[in-house]
Structures are given as C-alpha cells and as structure tokens.
C-alpha cells in the first residue's frame, strides 16, 4: 500500500511542476508577443525568446516544486527550490530578459 502512496505523491509532484511550467509560459506570453513580433519600427528583441522563455518556464517549474515541497512539509527541499528560484530571478533581472523592444519616447 505504501508504494501506491509514493506513486500518488510522485504524480502530484509532476503535476505541480507541469502546472508551474504552464503558468510560467503564460506569464511570459505577453512579453514574448511584444518582444518577438516587434515594437517600434518592427524591431525585435530576441533575448525575450532565448533568455526570457527559459527563465520564466524554469521559474514556474521551480515555484511549483517549492510549493509542493512546502505542502508536504519538506522544508529543506522547499528552501533549496526557493534558493534556485531566487537565482533564476537574479539572472532574469541581471540580463533584463523580459525587456521588449525600445519604444518611441516623447521626442518621436
């Protein structure tokens, strides 16, 4: 019977990671639409795709795993996932991965 419980926990953990990845993808979508398909004068910002998409999806997966670990009471695993999430956030901020193309300012 314990093997069945482990299997259920494993499936729920995988579902948490999948849902987190989908949420990360959905959160990235508005930035991707504006960054890839161009803004001012059709200029595209490919960093939104090459850096922003992986950071957002991996961040969503990590957040799902951290939440699942917290709900199970696995504090060390949750802290490790939270540290990874903080590292991904720092990477995203350092490289400005969700910056879209430059917009025309007031002097245009």
Protein backbone atom coordinates (compact mmCIF):
# COMPACT_ATOMS: atom_id res chain seq x y z
CA UNK A 1 0.00 0.00 0.00
CA UNK A 2 2.90 2.36 0.67
CA UNK A 3 4.11 2.03 -2.91
CA UNK A 4 0.75 3.30 -4.09
CA UNK A 5 1.04 6.36 -1.83
CA UNK A 6 4.52 7.07 -3.18
CA UNK A 7 3.23 6.79 -6.72
CA UNK A 8 0.41 9.23 -5.99
CA UNK A 9 2.83 11.71 -4.39
CA UNK A 10 5.14 11.38 -7.40
CA UNK A 11 2.30 12.02 -9.83
CA UNK A 12 1.10 15.04 -7.84
CA UNK A 13 4.67 16.39 -7.74
CA UNK A 14 4.99 16.01 -11.51
CA UNK A 15 1.64 17.71 -11.98
CA UNK A 16 2.76 20.59 -9.75
CA UNK A 17 5.89 21.01 -11.89
CA UNK A 18 3.88 20.87 -15.12
CA UNK A 19 1.32 23.39 -13.88
CA UNK A 20 4.16 25.67 -12.74
CA UNK A 21 5.77 25.45 -16.17
CA UNK A 22 2.49 26.27 -17.90
CA UNK A 23 1.95 29.24 -15.57
CA UNK A 24 5.48 30.45 -16.34
CA UNK A 25 4.79 30.12 -20.07
CA UNK A 26 1.52 32.03 -19.74
CA UNK A 27 3.25 34.76 -17.73
CA UNK A 28 5.93 35.04 -20.45
CA UNK A 29 3.46 35.14 -23.38
CA UNK A 30 2.65 38.90 -23.33
CA UNK A 31 6.35 39.76 -23.24
CA UNK A 32 7.11 37.28 -25.99
CA UNK A 33 4.37 38.61 -28.23
CA UNK A 34 5.65 42.19 -27.97
CA UNK A 35 9.34 41.29 -27.98
CA UNK A 36 9.43 38.86 -30.89
CA UNK A 37 6.91 40.39 -33.24
CA UNK A 38 8.43 43.80 -32.86
CA UNK A 39 7.51 47.09 -31.40
CA UNK A 40 8.71 50.43 -32.66
CA UNK A 41 9.63 50.18 -36.36
CA UNK A 42 9.28 46.40 -36.26
CA UNK A 43 12.42 45.91 -34.15
CA UNK A 44 12.51 42.52 -32.43
CA UNK A 45 14.21 41.73 -29.15
CA UNK A 46 15.25 38.07 -29.37
CA UNK A 47 16.53 37.96 -25.77
CA UNK A 48 12.88 37.73 -24.77
CA UNK A 49 12.76 34.35 -26.51
CA UNK A 50 16.26 32.99 -25.89
CA UNK A 51 16.58 34.10 -22.27
CA UNK A 52 13.12 35.15 -21.09
CA UNK A 53 11.24 31.99 -22.03
CA UNK A 54 13.60 29.53 -20.29
CA UNK A 55 13.85 31.73 -17.18
CA UNK A 56 10.06 32.08 -16.88
CA UNK A 57 9.31 28.40 -17.55
CA UNK A 58 12.07 27.14 -15.25
CA UNK A 59 10.96 29.65 -12.62
CA UNK A 60 7.39 28.36 -12.85
CA UNK A 61 8.55 24.76 -12.55
CA UNK A 62 10.74 25.64 -9.58
CA UNK A 63 7.92 27.53 -7.89
CA UNK A 64 5.60 24.53 -8.36
CA UNK A 65 8.18 22.19 -6.85
CA UNK A 66 8.80 24.58 -3.93
CA UNK A 67 5.09 24.85 -3.22
CA UNK A 68 4.68 21.07 -3.37
CA UNK A 69 7.62 20.61 -1.00
CA UNK A 70 6.13 23.15 1.41
CA UNK A 71 2.77 21.41 1.38
CA UNK A 72 4.46 18.09 2.15
CA UNK A 73 6.44 19.67 4.99
CA UNK A 74 9.83 19.10 3.36
CA UNK A 75 11.44 22.34 4.50
CA UNK A 76 14.96 21.66 3.22
CA UNK A 77 13.71 20.80 -0.25
CA UNK A 78 11.49 23.88 -0.25
CA UNK A 79 14.43 26.09 0.80
CA UNK A 80 16.61 24.61 -1.94
CA UNK A 81 13.91 25.26 -4.54
CA UNK A 82 13.41 28.78 -3.19
CA UNK A 83 17.16 29.43 -3.48
CA UNK A 84 17.09 28.21 -7.08
CA UNK A 85 14.08 30.42 -7.75
CA UNK A 86 15.93 33.41 -6.29
CA UNK A 87 18.89 32.62 -8.54
CA UNK A 88 16.65 32.49 -11.60
CA UNK A 89 15.07 35.80 -10.61
CA UNK A 90 18.53 37.35 -10.20
CA UNK A 91 19.54 36.01 -13.62
CA UNK A 92 16.40 37.46 -15.14
CA UNK A 93 16.99 40.84 -13.55
CA UNK A 94 20.69 40.90 -14.45
CA UNK A 95 20.09 40.22 -18.13
CA UNK A 96 16.74 42.05 -18.29
CA UNK A 97 15.27 39.03 -20.03
CA UNK A 98 11.76 40.44 -20.35
CA UNK A 99 12.78 43.75 -21.87
CA UNK A 100 10.86 44.33 -25.05
CA UNK A 101 12.00 46.39 -27.98
CA UNK A 102 12.66 50.07 -27.29
CA UNK A 103 9.58 52.21 -27.53
CA UNK A 104 9.47 55.63 -29.07
CA UNK A 105 9.85 58.30 -26.41
CA UNK A 106 8.24 61.73 -26.20
CA UNK A 107 10.55 63.21 -28.86
CA UNK A 108 9.37 60.97 -31.72
